[in-house]
Amino acid sequence: MPYLFLVGGSALLVMKTKLALKVVGLIGVLALISAGYCFWLMTVPLSYDWVPFVLIGFVVSIGVFVISLITSIIVLKRLRRSHRAPNASQIRPTI
């Protein structure tokens, strides 16, 4: 954990952001696996009792994947911004 000794608390934010990115990525992968399984179940003959559950599972899995994709984009932007923040504070206008 060499990032903990950086100035400001931005290092802790970077570590939290990286952890959040890993968690969101894992959730996205699990949602895609679940959507693939539900899609496969749609090709298999099922009783009519299971059809609504499979369809709802597929739609929810795709929704969770889209939400995790959007969240990962937001976290990546935050991670890029946190690396630029210390450099931006060093540049001061000379008036």
Protein backbone atom coordinates (compact mmCIF):
# COMPACT_ATOMS: atom_id res chain seq x y z
CA MET A 1 0.00 0.00 0.00
CA PRO A 2 2.51 2.66 -1.02
CA TYR A 3 -0.29 5.00 -2.11
CA LEU A 4 -1.38 5.70 1.47
CA PHE A 5 1.51 8.07 2.11
CA LEU A 6 0.77 10.52 -0.67
CA VAL A 7 -0.21 14.09 0.12
CA GLY A 8 -3.80 15.03 0.65
CA GLY A 9 -6.17 12.05 0.89
CA SER A 10 -6.33 11.71 -2.86
CA ALA A 11 -4.39 8.45 -2.54
CA LEU A 12 -7.11 6.94 -0.41
CA LEU A 13 -9.65 8.06 -2.97
CA VAL A 14 -7.65 6.34 -5.72
CA MET A 15 -7.58 3.09 -3.76
CA LYS A 16 -11.33 3.25 -3.10
CA THR A 17 -11.95 4.04 -6.74
CA LYS A 18 -9.88 1.09 -7.91
CA LEU A 19 -11.71 -1.22 -5.52
CA ALA A 20 -15.06 0.14 -6.73
CA LEU A 21 -13.97 -0.43 -10.32
CA LYS A 22 -13.09 -4.05 -9.56
CA VAL A 23 -16.41 -4.64 -7.81
CA VAL A 24 -18.40 -3.04 -10.62
CA GLY A 25 -16.47 -5.08 -13.19
CA LEU A 26 -17.18 -8.29 -11.30
CA ILE A 27 -20.88 -7.44 -11.09
CA GLY A 28 -20.92 -6.73 -14.83
CA VAL A 29 -19.28 -10.06 -15.65
CA LEU A 30 -21.71 -11.96 -13.41
CA ALA A 31 -24.64 -10.13 -15.03
CA LEU A 32 -23.42 -11.13 -18.49
CA ILE A 33 -23.04 -14.76 -17.41
CA SER A 34 -26.55 -14.69 -15.96
CA ALA A 35 -27.96 -13.10 -19.13
CA GLY A 36 -26.23 -15.74 -21.24
CA TYR A 37 -27.68 -18.50 -19.09
CA CYS A 38 -31.18 -17.03 -19.36
CA PHE A 39 -30.72 -16.64 -23.11
CA TRP A 40 -29.69 -20.28 -23.32
CA LEU A 41 -32.75 -21.25 -21.28
CA MET A 42 -34.91 -19.51 -23.89
CA THR A 43 -33.66 -21.98 -26.50
CA VAL A 44 -34.47 -25.01 -24.35
CA PRO A 45 -38.04 -26.31 -24.21
CA LEU A 46 -39.51 -25.19 -20.87
CA SER A 47 -42.87 -25.54 -19.25
CA TYR A 48 -45.03 -22.44 -19.43
CA ASP A 49 -44.57 -21.87 -15.70
CA TRP A 50 -40.85 -21.05 -16.16
CA VAL A 51 -41.07 -18.74 -19.19
CA PRO A 52 -41.87 -15.52 -17.26
CA PHE A 53 -39.03 -16.16 -14.79
CA VAL A 54 -36.52 -16.68 -17.59
CA LEU A 55 -37.65 -13.56 -19.45
CA ILE A 56 -37.59 -11.43 -16.31
CA GLY A 57 -34.16 -12.83 -15.40
CA PHE A 58 -32.82 -12.01 -18.84
CA VAL A 59 -34.14 -8.44 -18.79
CA VAL A 60 -32.89 -7.83 -15.24
CA SER A 61 -29.46 -9.25 -16.08
CA ILE A 62 -29.12 -7.00 -19.12
CA GLY A 63 -30.27 -4.04 -17.00
CA VAL A 64 -27.70 -4.80 -14.30
CA PHE A 65 -24.99 -5.07 -16.96
CA VAL A 66 -25.93 -1.69 -18.45
CA ILE A 67 -25.95 -0.08 -15.00
CA SER A 68 -22.54 -1.58 -14.18
CA LEU A 69 -21.19 -0.36 -17.52
CA ILE A 70 -22.38 3.19 -16.83
CA THR A 71 -21.01 3.03 -13.29
CA SER A 72 -17.63 1.81 -14.49
CA ILE A 73 -17.42 4.70 -16.96
CA ILE A 74 -18.16 7.15 -14.14
CA VAL A 75 -15.58 5.51 -11.86
CA LEU A 76 -12.96 5.56 -14.63
CA LYS A 77 -13.57 9.28 -15.18
CA ARG A 78 -13.21 9.87 -11.44
CA LEU A 79 -10.00 7.85 -11.38
CA ARG A 80 -8.52 9.84 -14.27
CA ARG A 81 -9.56 13.11 -12.65
CA SER A 82 -7.97 12.17 -9.32
CA HIS A 83 -4.60 11.66 -11.02
CA ARG A 84 -4.77 15.10 -12.63
CA ALA A 85 -5.91 16.99 -9.55
CA PRO A 86 -2.52 17.38 -7.78
CA ASN A 87 -0.85 18.61 -10.99
CA ALA A 88 -3.60 21.15 -11.65
CA SER A 89 -3.21 22.70 -8.18
CA GLN A 90 0.49 23.43 -8.77
CA ILE A 91 -0.21 25.77 -11.69
CA ARG A 92 -1.12 29.18 -10.33
CA PRO A 93 -1.79 32.34 -12.27
CA THR A 94 0.86 35.04 -11.97
CA ILE A 95 -0.90 38.32 -11.39
